[in-house]
Amino acid sequence: MEVVITRWDDRHLAVSLKGFIAEDIAFIKRIPGRRWLPDEKVWRIPFRKEVVNSLVTRFPEGQFSIDPDLTDIQELYGKSPDR
């Protein structure tokens, strides 16, 4: 399982789940404001502290790939993007 997080726009992140299981999709579907974008094959989620924290809590360390240009994650989460 790998979670790839990139910026979608100023208010949203794009999350790609590689090697996911049904519980992972169910977790993403519980995020308020999330939307599946089938052409891009990513979930668009709100770029908010509680959403970032829920992703970090849900998926174990080492399963994340966060775009290095997303320095905003540092501010929201309090750690470097490469964890």
N, C-alpha and C. Protein backbone atom coordinates (compact mmCIF):
# COMPACT_ATOMS: atom_id res chain seq x y z
N MET A 1 0.84 -1.19 0.00
CA MET A 1 0.00 0.00 0.00
C MET A 1 0.88 1.23 0.00
N GLU A 2 0.54 2.15 -0.87
CA GLU A 2 1.23 3.44 -0.91
C GLU A 2 0.19 4.54 -1.07
N VAL A 3 0.36 5.60 -0.31
CA VAL A 3 -0.51 6.77 -0.38
C VAL A 3 0.32 7.91 -0.96
N VAL A 4 -0.11 8.41 -2.12
CA VAL A 4 0.60 9.51 -2.77
C VAL A 4 -0.25 10.76 -2.64
N ILE A 5 0.32 11.80 -2.04
CA ILE A 5 -0.40 13.05 -1.80
C ILE A 5 0.27 14.17 -2.58
N THR A 6 -0.53 14.87 -3.38
CA THR A 6 -0.05 16.02 -4.13
C THR A 6 -1.08 17.14 -3.99
N ARG A 7 -0.68 18.33 -4.40
CA ARG A 7 -1.60 19.47 -4.35
C ARG A 7 -2.52 19.41 -5.56
N TRP A 8 -3.82 19.59 -5.32
CA TRP A 8 -4.78 19.70 -6.43
C TRP A 8 -4.96 21.18 -6.79
N ASP A 9 -5.26 21.97 -5.77
CA ASP A 9 -5.36 23.42 -5.91
C ASP A 9 -5.12 24.01 -4.52
N ASP A 10 -5.41 25.28 -4.34
CA ASP A 10 -5.14 25.92 -3.05
C ASP A 10 -5.96 25.37 -1.90
N ARG A 11 -7.10 24.75 -2.20
CA ARG A 11 -7.98 24.27 -1.14
C ARG A 11 -8.09 22.75 -1.06
N HIS A 12 -7.44 22.05 -1.99
CA HIS A 12 -7.59 20.60 -2.05
C HIS A 12 -6.27 19.87 -2.28
N LEU A 13 -6.23 18.65 -1.81
CA LEU A 13 -5.13 17.73 -2.09
C LEU A 13 -5.65 16.63 -3.00
N ALA A 14 -4.75 16.01 -3.74
CA ALA A 14 -5.08 14.83 -4.52
C ALA A 14 -4.43 13.64 -3.82
N VAL A 15 -5.21 12.60 -3.59
CA VAL A 15 -4.70 11.41 -2.91
C VAL A 15 -4.90 10.21 -3.83
N SER A 16 -3.80 9.54 -4.07
CA SER A 16 -3.82 8.32 -4.88
C SER A 16 -3.47 7.15 -3.96
N LEU A 17 -4.27 6.11 -4.02
CA LEU A 17 -4.02 4.91 -3.21
C LEU A 17 -3.56 3.80 -4.15
N LYS A 18 -2.36 3.32 -3.94
CA LYS A 18 -1.82 2.24 -4.76
C LYS A 18 -1.74 0.97 -3.91
N GLY A 19 -2.35 -0.10 -4.40
CA GLY A 19 -2.37 -1.34 -3.64
C GLY A 19 -3.32 -1.27 -2.46
N PHE A 20 -4.44 -0.60 -2.64
CA PHE A 20 -5.39 -0.35 -1.56
C PHE A 20 -6.24 -1.59 -1.25
N ILE A 21 -6.86 -1.54 -0.10
CA ILE A 21 -7.85 -2.54 0.28
C ILE A 21 -9.17 -1.82 0.52
N ALA A 22 -10.25 -2.58 0.59
CA ALA A 22 -11.60 -1.99 0.71
C ALA A 22 -11.71 -1.04 1.90
N GLU A 23 -11.07 -1.36 3.01
CA GLU A 23 -11.15 -0.51 4.20
C GLU A 23 -10.52 0.86 3.96
N ASP A 24 -9.48 0.89 3.11
CA ASP A 24 -8.84 2.17 2.79
C ASP A 24 -9.78 3.07 2.00
N ILE A 25 -10.49 2.50 1.05
CA ILE A 25 -11.46 3.27 0.27
C ILE A 25 -12.60 3.73 1.16
N ALA A 26 -13.06 2.87 2.04
CA ALA A 26 -14.14 3.25 2.97
C ALA A 26 -13.69 4.41 3.85
N PHE A 27 -12.44 4.40 4.27
CA PHE A 27 -11.90 5.49 5.08
C PHE A 27 -11.94 6.81 4.31
N ILE A 28 -11.45 6.80 3.07
CA ILE A 28 -11.45 8.01 2.25
C ILE A 28 -12.88 8.50 2.02
N LYS A 29 -13.81 7.58 1.80
CA LYS A 29 -15.20 7.97 1.55
C LYS A 29 -15.85 8.65 2.75
N ARG A 30 -15.29 8.46 3.94
CA ARG A 30 -15.83 9.12 5.14
C ARG A 30 -15.31 10.54 5.33
N ILE A 31 -14.37 10.97 4.50
CA ILE A 31 -13.83 12.33 4.62
C ILE A 31 -14.84 13.30 4.02
N PRO A 32 -15.35 14.23 4.82
CA PRO A 32 -16.31 15.21 4.28
C PRO A 32 -15.68 16.04 3.17
N GLY A 33 -16.41 16.20 2.08
CA GLY A 33 -15.93 17.01 0.97
C GLY A 33 -15.05 16.28 -0.02
N ARG A 34 -14.84 15.00 0.17
CA ARG A 34 -14.00 14.24 -0.74
C ARG A 34 -14.75 13.99 -2.04
N ARG A 35 -13.97 13.79 -3.11
CA ARG A 35 -14.59 13.49 -4.40
C ARG A 35 -13.65 12.62 -5.22
N TRP A 36 -14.16 11.56 -5.80
CA TRP A 36 -13.39 10.69 -6.68
C TRP A 36 -13.35 11.31 -8.07
N LEU A 37 -12.16 11.44 -8.65
CA LEU A 37 -11.99 11.98 -9.99
C LEU A 37 -11.51 10.84 -10.89
N PRO A 38 -12.45 10.17 -11.57
CA PRO A 38 -12.10 8.95 -12.30
C PRO A 38 -11.10 9.14 -13.43
N ASP A 39 -11.13 10.27 -14.11
CA ASP A 39 -10.17 10.48 -15.21
C ASP A 39 -8.73 10.56 -14.70
N GLU A 40 -8.56 11.18 -13.54
CA GLU A 40 -7.23 11.32 -12.94
C GLU A 40 -6.88 10.16 -12.02
N LYS A 41 -7.89 9.39 -11.64
CA LYS A 41 -7.75 8.25 -10.72
C LYS A 41 -7.16 8.69 -9.37
N VAL A 42 -7.71 9.79 -8.86
CA VAL A 42 -7.33 10.31 -7.55
C VAL A 42 -8.57 10.73 -6.77
N TRP A 43 -8.42 10.78 -5.47
CA TRP A 43 -9.43 11.37 -4.60
C TRP A 43 -9.02 12.81 -4.35
N ARG A 44 -9.95 13.74 -4.55
CA ARG A 44 -9.71 15.13 -4.18
C ARG A 44 -10.30 15.32 -2.80
N ILE A 45 -9.46 15.77 -1.87
CA ILE A 45 -9.90 15.96 -0.49
C ILE A 45 -9.58 17.38 -0.05
N PRO A 46 -10.34 17.90 0.91
CA PRO A 46 -10.06 19.25 1.42
C PRO A 46 -8.67 19.31 2.08
N PHE A 47 -7.98 20.41 1.84
CA PHE A 47 -6.66 20.64 2.42
C PHE A 47 -6.86 21.33 3.77
N ARG A 48 -7.17 20.52 4.79
CA ARG A 48 -7.41 21.02 6.14
C ARG A 48 -6.63 20.18 7.14
N LYS A 49 -6.29 20.79 8.25
CA LYS A 49 -5.47 20.13 9.26
C LYS A 49 -6.07 18.81 9.72
N GLU A 50 -7.37 18.79 10.02
CA GLU A 50 -7.97 17.56 10.53
C GLU A 50 -7.97 16.44 9.50
N VAL A 51 -8.05 16.80 8.22
CA VAL A 51 -8.01 15.79 7.16
C VAL A 51 -6.60 15.23 7.02
N VAL A 52 -5.61 16.11 7.02
CA VAL A 52 -4.21 15.65 6.94
C VAL A 52 -3.89 14.77 8.14
N ASN A 53 -4.30 15.20 9.32
CA ASN A 53 -4.05 14.39 10.52
C ASN A 53 -4.72 13.02 10.44
N SER A 54 -5.92 12.96 9.88
CA SER A 54 -6.60 11.67 9.78
C SER A 54 -5.87 10.74 8.82
N LEU A 55 -5.32 11.28 7.74
CA LEU A 55 -4.54 10.46 6.81
C LEU A 55 -3.27 9.93 7.47
N VAL A 56 -2.58 10.82 8.17
CA VAL A 56 -1.33 10.43 8.84
C VAL A 56 -1.60 9.38 9.91
N THR A 57 -2.72 9.52 10.60
CA THR A 57 -3.08 8.55 11.65
C THR A 57 -3.51 7.21 11.05
N ARG A 58 -4.21 7.24 9.95
CA ARG A 58 -4.75 6.02 9.34
C ARG A 58 -3.68 5.12 8.72
N PHE A 59 -2.74 5.74 8.02
CA PHE A 59 -1.76 4.97 7.27
C PHE A 59 -0.40 4.99 7.97
N PRO A 60 0.20 3.82 8.16
CA PRO A 60 1.48 3.74 8.87
C PRO A 60 2.60 4.48 8.15
N GLU A 61 3.58 4.88 8.95
CA GLU A 61 4.75 5.54 8.41
C GLU A 61 5.41 4.64 7.37
N GLY A 62 5.92 5.24 6.33
CA GLY A 62 6.54 4.47 5.27
C GLY A 62 5.60 4.19 4.11
N GLN A 63 4.31 4.42 4.31
CA GLN A 63 3.35 4.21 3.23
C GLN A 63 3.01 5.51 2.51
N PHE A 64 3.63 6.61 2.91
CA PHE A 64 3.33 7.91 2.34
C PHE A 64 4.35 8.34 1.31
N SER A 65 3.88 8.99 0.28
CA SER A 65 4.72 9.72 -0.65
C SER A 65 4.06 11.08 -0.78
N ILE A 66 4.69 12.10 -0.21
CA ILE A 66 4.12 13.45 -0.21
C ILE A 66 4.97 14.33 -1.10
N ASP A 67 4.32 15.02 -2.01
CA ASP A 67 5.00 15.93 -2.91
C ASP A 67 5.89 16.87 -2.09
N PRO A 68 7.21 16.91 -2.36
CA PRO A 68 8.11 17.76 -1.58
C PRO A 68 7.77 19.25 -1.65
N ASP A 69 7.06 19.65 -2.69
CA ASP A 69 6.66 21.06 -2.80
C ASP A 69 5.50 21.40 -1.87
N LEU A 70 4.94 20.41 -1.22
CA LEU A 70 3.81 20.64 -0.30
C LEU A 70 4.33 21.00 1.08
N THR A 71 5.00 22.12 1.18
CA THR A 71 5.53 22.54 2.47
C THR A 71 4.41 22.89 3.44
N ASP A 72 3.20 23.13 2.92
CA ASP A 72 2.05 23.43 3.78
C ASP A 72 1.76 22.26 4.72
N ILE A 73 2.11 21.05 4.31
CA ILE A 73 1.91 19.87 5.17
C ILE A 73 2.70 20.05 6.45
N GLN A 74 3.91 20.60 6.34
CA GLN A 74 4.72 20.84 7.53
C GLN A 74 3.96 21.71 8.52
N GLU A 75 3.33 22.75 8.00
CA GLU A 75 2.60 23.66 8.87
C GLU A 75 1.37 22.99 9.47
N LEU A 76 0.69 22.18 8.68
CA LEU A 76 -0.52 21.52 9.18
C LEU A 76 -0.19 20.36 10.11
N TYR A 77 0.81 19.59 9.76
CA TYR A 77 1.11 18.38 10.52
C TYR A 77 2.23 18.57 11.53
N GLY A 78 3.15 19.49 11.23
CA GLY A 78 4.22 19.75 12.17
C GLY A 78 5.44 18.90 11.95
N LYS A 79 5.52 18.18 10.82
CA LYS A 79 6.70 17.37 10.49
C LYS A 79 7.05 17.61 9.04
N SER A 80 8.25 17.17 8.68
CA SER A 80 8.65 17.33 7.28
C SER A 80 7.88 16.37 6.40
N PRO A 81 7.68 16.73 5.14
CA PRO A 81 6.90 15.87 4.25
C PRO A 81 7.49 14.48 4.05
N ASP A 82 8.79 14.32 4.22
CA ASP A 82 9.35 12.98 4.01
C ASP A 82 9.28 12.11 5.24
N ARG A 83 8.69 12.59 6.29
CA ARG A 83 8.47 11.86 7.53
C ARG A 83 9.68 11.07 7.91
